[in-house]
C-alpha atoms as a PDB file:
ATOM      1  CA  ALA A   1     222.143 151.587  67.087  1.00  0.00           C
ATOM      2  CA  ALA A   2     221.423 151.926  63.354  1.00  0.00           C
ATOM      3  CA  ARG A   3     219.507 155.131  63.969  1.00  0.00           C
ATOM      4  CA  LEU A   4     222.432 156.709  65.885  1.00  0.00           C
ATOM      5  CA  GLY A   5     224.895 155.499  63.332  1.00  0.00           C
ATOM      6  CA  ILE A   6     226.649 152.979  65.756  1.00  0.00           C
ATOM      7  CA  ARG A   7     228.607 150.484  63.523  1.00  0.00           C
ATOM      8  CA  ALA A   8     229.474 146.901  64.180  1.00  0.00           C
ATOM      9  CA  LEU A   9     232.780 145.783  65.692  1.00  0.00           C
ATOM     10  CA  PRO A  10     235.731 145.684  63.392  1.00  0.00           C
ATOM     11  CA  ARG A  11     236.566 142.170  62.146  1.00  0.00           C
ATOM     12  CA  SER A  12     239.767 142.060  64.064  1.00  0.00           C
ATOM     13  CA  GLU A  13     237.823 142.357  67.240  1.00  0.00           C
ATOM     14  CA  ILE A  14     235.162 139.846  66.602  1.00  0.00           C
ATOM     15  CA  PRO A  15     235.883 136.518  68.323  1.00  0.00           C
ATOM     16  CA  ALA A  16     236.690 133.522  66.088  1.00  0.00           C
ATOM     17  CA  PRO A  17     233.970 130.984  65.463  1.00  0.00           C
ATOM     18  CA  ARG A  18     236.158 128.328  66.885  1.00  0.00           C
ATOM     19  CA  LEU A  19     236.364 130.125  70.108  1.00  0.00           C
ATOM     20  CA  VAL A  20     232.673 130.740  70.376  1.00  0.00           C
ATOM     21  CA  LEU A  21     231.882 127.039  69.584  1.00  0.00           C
ATOM     22  CA  GLY A  22     234.373 126.068  72.369  1.00  0.00           C
ATOM     23  CA  GLY A  23     231.790 127.228  74.964  1.00  0.00           C
ATOM     24  CA  VAL A  24     228.903 125.322  73.470  1.00  0.00           C
ATOM     25  CA  HIS A  25     228.569 123.158  76.541  1.00  0.00           C
ATOM     26  CA  PHE A  26     227.414 126.194  78.508  1.00  0.00           C
ATOM     27  CA  ALA A  27     224.396 126.585  76.088  1.00  0.00           C
ATOM     28  CA  LEU A  28     223.849 122.840  76.320  1.00  0.00           C
ATOM     29  CA  SER A  29     223.477 122.902  80.040  1.00  0.00           C
ATOM     30  CA  PHE A  30     221.005 125.778  79.729  1.00  0.00           C
ATOM     31  CA  ALA A  31     218.928 123.843  77.235  1.00  0.00           C
ATOM     32  CA  VAL A  32     218.943 120.904  79.639  1.00  0.00           C
ATOM     33  CA  LEU A  33     217.680 123.115  82.403  1.00  0.00           C
ATOM     34  CA  ILE A  34     214.735 124.575  80.219  1.00  0.00           C
ATOM     35  CA  TYR A  35     213.773 121.004  78.955  1.00  0.00           C
ATOM     36  CA  LEU A  36     213.681 119.651  82.466  1.00  0.00           C
ATOM     37  CA  LEU A  37     211.707 122.630  83.914  1.00  0.00           C
ATOM     38  CA  PHE A  38     209.120 122.944  81.167  1.00  0.00           C
ATOM     39  CA  TRP A  39     208.876 119.553  79.443  1.00  0.00           C
ATOM     40  CA  LEU A  40     209.483 117.147  82.299  1.00  0.00           C
ATOM     41  CA  ASN A  41     208.190 119.482  85.057  1.00  0.00           C
ATOM     42  CA  TYR A  42     211.088 118.812  87.335  1.00  0.00           C
ATOM     43  CA  ARG A  43     211.351 120.893  90.456  1.00  0.00           C
ATOM     44  CA  PRO A  44     213.826 123.736  90.058  1.00  0.00           C
ATOM     45  CA  GLU A  45     216.464 122.392  92.442  1.00  0.00           C
ATOM     46  CA  ARG A  46     216.470 118.988  90.782  1.00  0.00           C
ATOM     47  CA  ALA A  47     216.581 120.579  87.302  1.00  0.00           C
ATOM     48  CA  ALA A  48     219.528 122.730  88.362  1.00  0.00           C
ATOM     49  CA  LEU A  49     221.387 119.637  89.767  1.00  0.00           C
ATOM     50  CA  TRP A  50     221.047 117.748  86.480  1.00  0.00           C
ATOM     51  CA  ALA A  51     221.935 120.912  84.312  1.00  0.00           C
ATOM     52  CA  SER A  52     225.117 121.358  86.366  1.00  0.00           C
ATOM     53  CA  LEU A  53     226.070 117.642  86.000  1.00  0.00           C
ATOM     54  CA  ALA A  54     225.454 118.079  82.274  1.00  0.00           C
ATOM     55  CA  LEU A  55     227.804 121.059  82.166  1.00  0.00           C
ATOM     56  CA  ILE A  56     230.535 119.202  84.080  1.00  0.00           C
ATOM     57  CA  GLY A  57     230.091 116.099  81.868  1.00  0.00           C
ATOM     58  CA  THR A  58     230.261 118.021  78.567  1.00  0.00           C
ATOM     59  CA  ALA A  59     233.203 120.142  79.822  1.00  0.00           C
ATOM     60  CA  PHE A  60     235.107 116.822  80.446  1.00  0.00           C
ATOM     61  CA  LEU A  61     234.308 115.550  77.006  1.00  0.00           C
ATOM     62  CA  ILE A  62     234.673 118.756  74.910  1.00  0.00           C
ATOM     63  CA  GLY A  63     236.938 120.932  77.091  1.00  0.00           C
ATOM     64  CA  TYR A  64     237.165 124.678  77.085  1.00  0.00           C
ATOM     65  CA  ARG A  65     239.903 126.756  75.545  1.00  0.00           C
ATOM     66  CA  GLY A  66     242.141 123.704  74.935  1.00  0.00           C
ATOM     67  CA  ALA A  67     241.858 122.346  78.335  1.00  0.00           C
ATOM     68  CA  ARG A  68     239.614 120.049  80.441  1.00  0.00           C
ATOM     69  CA  PRO A  69     238.660 120.532  84.008  1.00  0.00           C
ATOM     70  CA  THR A  70     240.385 118.570  86.799  1.00  0.00           C
ATOM     71  CA  LEU A  71     238.882 117.336  89.999  1.00  0.00           C
ATOM     72  CA  ARG A  72     240.915 120.002  91.918  1.00  0.00           C
ATOM     73  CA  GLY A  73     239.379 122.754  89.629  1.00  0.00           C
ATOM     74  CA  ILE A  74     235.822 121.462  90.169  1.00  0.00           C
ATOM     75  CA  PHE A  75     236.375 121.434  93.988  1.00  0.00           C
ATOM     76  CA  ALA A  76     237.666 124.943  93.826  1.00  0.00           C
ATOM     77  CA  SER A  77     234.549 125.953  91.754  1.00  0.00           C
ATOM     78  CA  LEU A  78     232.248 124.438  94.275  1.00  0.00           C
ATOM     79  CA  THR A  79     234.116 126.391  96.890  1.00  0.00           C
ATOM     80  CA  ARG A  80     233.595 129.612  95.048  1.00  0.00           C
ATOM     81  CA  CYS A  81     230.010 128.737  94.563  1.00  0.00           C
ATOM     82  CA  GLY A  82     229.541 128.235  98.217  1.00  0.00           C
ATOM     83  CA  HIS A  83     230.850 131.746  98.922  1.00  0.00           C
ATOM     84  CA  GLY A  84     228.408 133.212  96.477  1.00  0.00           C
ATOM     85  CA  VAL A  85     225.545 131.269  97.788  1.00  0.00           C
ATOM     86  CA  VAL A  86     226.102 132.727 101.323  1.00  0.00           C
ATOM     87  CA  GLU A  87     224.444 136.082 100.257  1.00  0.00           C
ATOM     88  CA  ILE A  88     221.546 134.224  98.747  1.00  0.00           C
ATOM     89  CA  ILE A  89     221.011 132.159 101.903  1.00  0.00           C
ATOM     90  CA  LEU A  90     220.967 135.301 103.945  1.00  0.00           C
ATOM     91  CA  ILE A  91     218.479 136.946 101.756  1.00  0.00           C
ATOM     92  CA  SER A  92     216.309 133.773 101.805  1.00  0.00           C
ATOM     93  CA  ALA A  93     216.524 133.583 105.666  1.00  0.00           C
ATOM     94  CA  ALA A  94     215.432 137.291 105.873  1.00  0.00           C
ATOM     95  CA  SER A  95     212.652 136.704 103.224  1.00  0.00           C
ATOM     96  CA  GLY A  96     211.492 133.720 105.219  1.00  0.00           C
ATOM     97  CA  ILE A  97     211.156 135.691 108.435  1.00  0.00           C
ATOM     98  CA  VAL A  98     209.166 138.346 106.545  1.00  0.00           C
ATOM     99  CA  ILE A  99     206.940 135.761 104.978  1.00  0.00           C
ATOM    100  CA  GLY A 100     206.501 133.948 108.310  1.00  0.00           C
ATOM    101  CA  VAL A 101     205.378 137.290 110.033  1.00  0.00           C
ATOM    102  CA  LEU A 102     202.849 137.964 107.122  1.00  0.00           C
ATOM    103  CA  ASN A 103     201.358 134.446 107.394  1.00  0.00           C
ATOM    104  CA  VAL A 104     201.168 134.487 111.208  1.00  0.00           C
ATOM    105  CA  THR A 105     199.526 137.967 111.433  1.00  0.00           C
ATOM    106  CA  GLY A 106     197.218 137.282 108.448  1.00  0.00           C
ATOM    107  CA  LEU A 107     198.540 140.135 106.364  1.00  0.00           C
ATOM    108  CA  SER A 108     199.161 137.706 103.448  1.00  0.00           C
ATOM    109  CA  PHE A 109     195.586 136.600 103.451  1.00  0.00           C
ATOM    110  CA  ASN A 110     194.246 140.097 103.899  1.00  0.00           C
ATOM    111  CA  LEU A 111     196.205 141.454 100.898  1.00  0.00           C
ATOM    112  CA  THR A 112     194.993 138.533  98.787  1.00  0.00           C
ATOM    113  CA  TYR A 113     191.422 139.134  99.833  1.00  0.00           C
ATOM    114  CA  ALA A 114     191.655 142.973  99.320  1.00  0.00           C
ATOM    115  CA  LEU A 115     193.105 142.445  95.734  1.00  0.00           C
ATOM    116  CA  VAL A 116     190.261 140.034  94.875  1.00  0.00           C
ATOM    117  CA  GLN A 117     187.559 142.358  96.326  1.00  0.00           C
ATOM    118  CA  ILE A 118     188.896 145.512  94.683  1.00  0.00           C
ATOM    119  CA  GLY A 119     189.216 143.738  91.357  1.00  0.00           C
ATOM    120  CA  GLY A 120     185.535 142.950  91.639  1.00  0.00           C
ATOM    121  CA  GLY A 121     185.695 140.233  89.084  1.00  0.00           C
ATOM    122  CA  ASN A 122     187.352 142.417  86.455  1.00  0.00           C
ATOM    123  CA  ALA A 123     190.441 140.518  85.444  1.00  0.00           C
ATOM    124  CA  ILE A 124     192.073 143.602  83.739  1.00  0.00           C
ATOM    125  CA  LEU A 125     191.642 145.797  86.799  1.00  0.00           C
ATOM    126  CA  PHE A 126     192.877 142.864  89.022  1.00  0.00           C
ATOM    127  CA  LEU A 127     195.926 142.312  86.909  1.00  0.00           C
ATOM    128  CA  PHE A 128     196.651 146.149  86.760  1.00  0.00           C
ATOM    129  CA  LEU A 129     196.372 146.391  90.699  1.00  0.00           C
ATOM    130  CA  SER A 130     198.646 143.235  91.109  1.00  0.00           C
ATOM    131  CA  ALA A 131     201.232 144.755  88.773  1.00  0.00           C
ATOM    132  CA  LEU A 132     201.315 147.960  90.803  1.00  0.00           C
ATOM    133  CA  VAL A 133     201.557 146.031  94.031  1.00  0.00           C
ATOM    134  CA  CYS A 134     204.535 144.003  92.611  1.00  0.00           C
ATOM    135  CA  ILE A 135     206.296 147.064  91.418  1.00  0.00           C
ATOM    136  CA  VAL A 136     205.867 149.005  94.630  1.00  0.00           C
ATOM    137  CA  LEU A 137     206.904 145.922  96.930  1.00  0.00           C
ATOM    138  CA  GLY A 138     209.839 145.337  94.693  1.00  0.00           C
ATOM    139  CA  MET A 139     211.431 148.570  94.904  1.00  0.00           C
ATOM    140  CA  GLY A 140     214.938 148.339  96.288  1.00  0.00           C
ATOM    141  CA  LEU A 141     214.920 144.563  96.881  1.00  0.00           C
ATOM    142  CA  PRO A 142     217.284 141.987  95.206  1.00  0.00           C
ATOM    143  CA  THR A 143     215.854 139.433  92.802  1.00  0.00           C
ATOM    144  CA  LEU A 144     215.472 136.515  95.371  1.00  0.00           C
ATOM    145  CA  GLY A 145     213.915 138.724  97.907  1.00  0.00           C
ATOM    146  CA  VAL A 146     211.482 140.244  95.451  1.00  0.00           C
ATOM    147  CA  TYR A 147     210.289 136.878  94.246  1.00  0.00           C
ATOM    148  CA  ALA A 148     210.022 135.422  97.833  1.00  0.00           C
ATOM    149  CA  LEU A 149     207.936 138.285  98.950  1.00  0.00           C
ATOM    150  CA  LEU A 150     205.574 138.487  95.965  1.00  0.00           C
ATOM    151  CA  ALA A 151     205.208 134.729  95.808  1.00  0.00           C
ATOM    152  CA  ALA A 152     203.757 134.781  99.323  1.00  0.00           C
ATOM    153  CA  LEU A 153     201.569 137.932  98.900  1.00  0.00           C
ATOM    154  CA  VAL A 154     200.386 138.456  95.349  1.00  0.00           C
ATOM    155  CA  ALA A 155     200.798 134.992  93.607  1.00  0.00           C
ATOM    156  CA  PRO A 156     198.081 133.318  95.595  1.00  0.00           C
ATOM    157  CA  ALA A 157     195.529 135.995  94.560  1.00  0.00           C
ATOM    158  CA  LEU A 158     196.346 135.519  90.971  1.00  0.00           C
ATOM    159  CA  ILE A 159     196.038 131.681  91.232  1.00  0.00           C
ATOM    160  CA  GLN A 160     192.796 132.083  93.180  1.00  0.00           C
ATOM    161  CA  ILE A 161     191.131 133.774  90.058  1.00  0.00           C
ATOM    162  CA  GLY A 162     192.093 130.917  87.949  1.00  0.00           C
ATOM    163  CA  ILE A 163     195.391 131.929  86.454  1.00  0.00           C
ATOM    164  CA  ASP A 164     197.992 129.178  85.851  1.00  0.00           C
ATOM    165  CA  PRO A 165     200.428 128.906  88.774  1.00  0.00           C
ATOM    166  CA  ILE A 166     203.526 129.100  86.471  1.00  0.00           C
ATOM    167  CA  GLY A 167     202.027 132.133  84.806  1.00  0.00           C
ATOM    168  CA  ALA A 168     201.088 133.811  88.074  1.00  0.00           C
ATOM    169  CA  HIS A 169     204.620 133.297  89.487  1.00  0.00           C
ATOM    170  CA  LEU A 170     206.275 134.653  86.279  1.00  0.00           C
ATOM    171  CA  TYR A 171     203.895 137.608  86.404  1.00  0.00           C
ATOM    172  CA  VAL A 172     204.884 138.673  89.983  1.00  0.00           C
ATOM    173  CA  LEU A 173     208.572 137.998  89.188  1.00  0.00           C
ATOM    174  CA  TYR A 174     208.556 140.124  86.028  1.00  0.00           C
ATOM    175  CA  PHE A 175     206.731 143.045  87.614  1.00  0.00           C
ATOM    176  CA  GLY A 176     208.625 142.779  90.937  1.00  0.00           C
ATOM    177  CA  MET A 177     211.876 143.223  88.809  1.00  0.00           C
ATOM    178  CA  MET A 178     210.348 146.066  86.780  1.00  0.00           C
ATOM    179  CA  SER A 179     210.905 148.220  89.842  1.00  0.00           C
ATOM    180  CA  MET A 180     214.536 148.278  88.767  1.00  0.00           C
ATOM    181  CA  ILE A 181     213.775 150.432  85.739  1.00  0.00           C
ATOM    182  CA  THR A 182     210.591 152.115  86.850  1.00  0.00           C
ATOM    183  CA  PRO A 183     210.826 155.622  88.331  1.00  0.00           C
ATOM    184  CA  PRO A 184     210.896 157.007  91.014  1.00  0.00           C
ATOM    185  CA  ILE A 185     213.211 154.199  92.344  1.00  0.00           C
ATOM    186  CA  ALA A 186     214.626 152.606  89.197  1.00  0.00           C
ATOM    187  CA  LEU A 187     217.930 151.426  90.871  1.00  0.00           C
ATOM    188  CA  ALA A 188     219.328 149.994  87.763  1.00  0.00           C
ATOM    189  CA  ALA A 189     218.511 152.957  85.493  1.00  0.00           C
ATOM    190  CA  PHE A 190     219.846 155.379  88.085  1.00  0.00           C
ATOM    191  CA  ALA A 191     222.992 153.484  88.477  1.00  0.00           C
ATOM    192  CA  ALA A 192     223.451 153.618  84.674  1.00  0.00           C
ATOM    193  CA  ALA A 193     222.715 157.308  84.700  1.00  0.00           C
ATOM    194  CA  SER A 194     225.500 157.810  87.287  1.00  0.00           C
ATOM    195  CA  ILE A 195     227.875 155.848  85.192  1.00  0.00           C
ATOM    196  CA  ALA A 196     227.069 157.826  82.095  1.00  0.00           C
ATOM    197  CA  ASN A 197     226.781 161.137  83.776  1.00  0.00           C
ATOM    198  CA  ALA A 198     223.198 161.529  82.443  1.00  0.00           C
ATOM    199  CA  PRO A 199     220.035 162.927  84.099  1.00  0.00           C
ATOM    200  CA  ALA A 200     218.632 160.310  86.460  1.00  0.00           C
ATOM    201  CA  MET A 201     214.924 160.656  85.757  1.00  0.00           C
ATOM    202  CA  LYS A 202     215.452 161.053  82.012  1.00  0.00           C
ATOM    203  CA  THR A 203     217.412 157.786  82.047  1.00  0.00           C
ATOM    204  CA  GLY A 204     214.694 156.194  84.086  1.00  0.00           C
ATOM    205  CA  TRP A 205     211.969 157.079  81.600  1.00  0.00           C
ATOM    206  CA  ALA A 206     214.207 156.060  78.627  1.00  0.00           C
ATOM    207  CA  ALA A 207     214.712 152.616  80.405  1.00  0.00           C
ATOM    208  CA  VAL A 208     210.911 152.290  80.603  1.00  0.00           C
ATOM    209  CA  ARG A 209     210.494 153.186  76.927  1.00  0.00           C
ATOM    210  CA  PHE A 210     213.151 150.677  75.782  1.00  0.00           C
ATOM    211  CA  GLY A 211     212.118 148.043  78.197  1.00  0.00           C
ATOM    212  CA  TRP A 212     208.510 148.369  77.467  1.00  0.00           C
ATOM    213  CA  SER A 213     208.186 144.621  76.247  1.00  0.00           C
ATOM    214  CA  ALA A 214     209.021 143.516  79.887  1.00  0.00           C
ATOM    215  CA  TYR A 215     205.809 145.139  81.040  1.00  0.00           C
ATOM    216  CA  VAL A 216     203.800 143.228  78.389  1.00  0.00           C
ATOM    217  CA  ILE A 217     205.407 139.870  78.366  1.00  0.00           C
ATOM    218  CA  PRO A 218     204.085 138.724  81.840  1.00  0.00           C
ATOM    219  CA  VAL A 219     200.568 139.829  80.812  1.00  0.00           C
ATOM    220  CA  LEU A 220     201.010 137.536  77.735  1.00  0.00           C
ATOM    221  CA  PHE A 221     202.069 134.663  80.101  1.00  0.00           C
ATOM    222  CA  VAL A 222     198.758 135.072  81.991  1.00  0.00           C
ATOM    223  CA  ALA A 223     196.577 135.620  78.876  1.00  0.00           C
ATOM    224  CA  SER A 224     198.212 132.949  76.661  1.00  0.00           C
ATOM    225  CA  PRO A 225     199.404 129.853  78.544  1.00  0.00           C
ATOM    226  CA  THR A 226     200.768 128.515  75.240  1.00  0.00           C
ATOM    227  CA  LEU A 227     203.662 130.924  75.621  1.00  0.00           C
ATOM    228  CA  LEU A 228     204.561 128.881  78.675  1.00  0.00           C
ATOM    229  CA  LEU A 229     204.980 125.882  76.291  1.00  0.00           C
ATOM    230  CA  SER A 230     201.787 124.445  77.332  1.00  0.00           C
ATOM    231  CA  GLY A 231     199.700 123.179  74.430  1.00  0.00           C
ATOM    232  CA  HIS A 232     200.199 121.563  71.077  1.00  0.00           C
ATOM    233  CA  PRO A 233     203.501 122.450  69.118  1.00  0.00           C
ATOM    234  CA  PRO A 234     201.683 124.392  66.237  1.00  0.00           C
ATOM    235  CA  GLU A 235     199.801 126.566  68.803  1.00  0.00           C
ATOM    236  CA  ILE A 236     202.999 127.171  70.733  1.00  0.00           C
ATOM    237  CA  ALA A 237     204.932 128.156  67.536  1.00  0.00           C
ATOM    238  CA  LEU A 238     202.088 130.457  66.412  1.00  0.00           C
ATOM    239  CA  ALA A 239     201.888 132.144  69.694  1.00  0.00           C
ATOM    240  CA  VAL A 240     205.614 132.700  69.973  1.00  0.00           C
ATOM    241  CA  ALA A 241     205.938 133.862  66.417  1.00  0.00           C
ATOM    242  CA  THR A 242     203.257 136.451  66.574  1.00  0.00           C
ATOM    243  CA  SER A 243     204.466 137.723  70.004  1.00  0.00           C
ATOM    244  CA  VAL A 244     208.077 138.081  68.840  1.00  0.00           C
ATOM    245  CA  PHE A 245     206.783 139.875  65.536  1.00  0.00           C
ATOM    246  CA  GLY A 246     204.583 142.183  67.478  1.00  0.00           C
ATOM    247  CA  VAL A 247     207.414 143.097  69.993  1.00  0.00           C
ATOM    248  CA  TRP A 248     209.591 143.755  66.982  1.00  0.00           C
ATOM    249  CA  LEU A 249     207.242 146.063  65.437  1.00  0.00           C
ATOM    250  CA  VAL A 250     206.519 148.137  68.446  1.00  0.00           C
ATOM    251  CA  SER A 251     210.214 148.188  69.407  1.00  0.00           C
ATOM    252  CA  SER A 252     211.065 149.567  65.893  1.00  0.00           C
ATOM    253  CA  ALA A 253     208.387 152.275  66.349  1.00  0.00           C
ATOM    254  CA  LEU A 254     209.653 153.300  69.764  1.00  0.00           C
ATOM    255  CA  ALA A 255     213.228 153.401  68.374  1.00  0.00           C
ATOM    256  CA  GLY A 256     212.066 155.347  65.343  1.00  0.00           C
ATOM    257  CA  TYR A 257     214.007 153.194  62.830  1.00  0.00           C
ATOM    258  CA  PHE A 258     213.312 150.318  60.502  1.00  0.00           C
ATOM    259  CA  ALA A 259     215.688 150.113  57.436  1.00  0.00           C
ATOM    260  CA  GLY A 260     215.791 153.947  57.936  1.00  0.00           C
ATOM    261  CA  PRO A 261     214.254 156.687  60.111  1.00  0.00           C
ATOM    262  CA  LEU A 262     210.498 156.169  60.661  1.00  0.00           C
ATOM    263  CA  SER A 263     208.138 159.237  60.228  1.00  0.00           C
ATOM    264  CA  ARG A 264     205.554 159.673  62.856  1.00  0.00           C
ATOM    265  CA  PRO A 265     202.611 158.201  60.821  1.00  0.00           C
ATOM    266  CA  MET A 266     204.758 155.112  60.104  1.00  0.00           C
ATOM    267  CA  ARG A 267     205.613 154.818  63.761  1.00  0.00           C
ATOM    268  CA  ALA A 268     201.979 154.945  64.728  1.00  0.00           C
ATOM    269  CA  GLY A 269     201.215 152.284  62.172  1.00  0.00           C
ATOM    270  CA  PHE A 270     203.980 149.974  63.496  1.00  0.00           C
ATOM    271  CA  ILE A 271     202.617 150.382  67.036  1.00  0.00           C
ATOM    272  CA  VAL A 272     199.113 149.615  66.034  1.00  0.00           C
ATOM    273  CA  THR A 273     199.865 146.566  63.965  1.00  0.00           C
ATOM    274  CA  GLY A 274     202.396 145.254  66.648  1.00  0.00           C
ATOM    275  CA  LEU A 275     199.862 145.534  69.368  1.00  0.00           C
ATOM    276  CA  MET A 276     197.361 143.779  67.245  1.00  0.00           C
ATOM    277  CA  ALA A 277     199.801 140.871  66.579  1.00  0.00           C
ATOM    278  CA  LEU A 278     200.580 140.784  70.392  1.00  0.00           C
ATOM    279  CA  VAL A 279     196.908 139.952  71.156  1.00  0.00           C
ATOM    280  CA  PRO A 280     196.850 136.377  72.320  1.00  0.00           C
ATOM    281  CA  ALA A 281     194.630 133.996  70.139  1.00  0.00           C
ATOM    282  CA  ALA A 282     192.918 132.734  73.262  1.00  0.00           C
ATOM    283  CA  ALA A 283     192.254 136.046  74.748  1.00  0.00           C
ATOM    284  CA  PHE A 284     188.692 136.585  73.251  1.00  0.00           C
ATOM    285  CA  GLU A 285     186.544 135.422  70.498  1.00  0.00           C
ATOM    286  CA  GLY A 286     187.992 136.790  67.211  1.00  0.00           C
ATOM    287  CA  ALA A 287     191.359 137.411  68.566  1.00  0.00           C
ATOM    288  CA  VAL A 288     192.831 135.325  65.796  1.00  0.00           C
ATOM    289  CA  VAL A 289     191.587 137.901  63.327  1.00  0.00           C
ATOM    290  CA  SER A 290     193.542 140.674  65.300  1.00  0.00           C
ATOM    291  CA  ASP A 291     196.657 138.526  64.960  1.00  0.00           C
ATOM    292  CA  VAL A 292     196.268 138.019  61.236  1.00  0.00           C
ATOM    293  CA  LEU A 293     195.511 141.592  60.553  1.00  0.00           C
ATOM    294  CA  GLY A 294     198.322 142.701  62.726  1.00  0.00           C
ATOM    295  CA  VAL A 295     200.943 140.440  61.086  1.00  0.00           C
ATOM    296  CA  LEU A 296     199.670 141.188  57.501  1.00  0.00           C
ATOM    297  CA  GLY A 297     199.612 144.935  58.193  1.00  0.00           C
ATOM    298  CA  GLY A 298     202.963 144.823  59.821  1.00  0.00           C
ATOM    299  CA  ILE A 299     204.375 143.026  56.783  1.00  0.00           C
ATOM    300  CA  VAL A 300     202.878 145.639  54.423  1.00  0.00           C
ATOM    301  CA  LEU A 301     204.287 148.521  56.433  1.00  0.00           C
ATOM    302  CA  MET A 302     207.748 146.900  56.578  1.00  0.00           C
ATOM    303  CA  ALA A 303     207.726 146.420  52.788  1.00  0.00           C
ATOM    304  CA  VAL A 304     206.699 149.954  52.168  1.00  0.00           C
ATOM    305  CA  GLU A 305     209.244 151.317  54.387  1.00  0.00           C
ATOM    306  CA  ALA A 306     211.989 149.100  52.940  1.00  0.00           C
ATOM    307  CA  LEU A 307     211.106 150.197  49.398  1.00  0.00           C
ATOM    308  CA  ARG A 308     210.944 153.816  50.473  1.00  0.00           C
ATOM    309  CA  ASN A 309     214.429 153.752  51.893  1.00  0.00           C
ATOM    310  CA  ARG A 310     215.712 151.740  48.895  1.00  0.00           C
ATOM    311  CA  ARG A 311     214.410 154.326  46.493  1.00  0.00           C
ATOM    312  CA  ALA A 312     215.896 157.141  48.753  1.00  0.00           C
ATOM    313  CA  ALA A 313     219.308 155.484  48.700  1.00  0.00           C
ATOM    314  CA  ARG A 314     219.169 155.276  44.818  1.00  0.00           C
ATOM    315  CA  GLU A 315     218.310 158.989  44.304  1.00  0.00           C
ATOM    316  CA  PRO A 316     221.344 161.061  43.610  1.00  0.00           C
ATOM    317  CA  VAL A 317     222.353 163.539  46.211  1.00  0.00           C
ATOM    318  CA  ALA A 318     221.931 167.071  45.081  1.00  0.00           C
END
């Protein structure tokens, strides 16, 4: 947005802080859901139930837009949720039939066995093949159908080679959904291109470029279980901080802007230091050195770029 000169909303169009804080209970219920899932290891359905109860309870206490929900309103909301769940139930039923056929015919086991054999003990090759299979099988399917299919076909193979089960399932979910922005299908990108009257394939590749981090994050989940909030708090904080910093550096390079337009050498430097910072500390011996060098190098490049743009702004225009 800064590179293209897109400015912020006028103050008159920015919602008042009081209005934003009035919906704090929505964020609270989401925090409850995350806490129950990752810290207390609740099953998803149980965590969702308690998060929903937390939302209803806080809505009664705090209210929303000057009003509190009534029992009639809650009943109407449950009815609307039921209508929305019908589609999910149908997708789940269809996915269950597909998964059942795969298990009965042995195709699920055969795919798992084939992936393990082709990978040949090479974890990088195995992850690449699994990602490719997830993208291909996820093309044109809704989120729930993608996950149900890949959880039965690909996730067992990842778990079989020693990957954490949560990391394996997040890996297949992420790459399955990447089919939405990965040409040649890229349904989401092509829909956006249709709305914007833009070239479809060009929009698809732009989506890949701007969504590059979504291809990297699942790999980080597999390579660094600390990103799944598993481990000591300092390790988790360090892994999250270096990952966010690395994604920021590479994204700035791909956008071509940080405090000002980036030259090609600076973009290359941002990409290199960002990728170094993204290397998980537990990936291999000496990976911590890569993280440190990447973070320090990124800070130096950011400082140089900021100073250069500050000096350029002070120079008189001829």
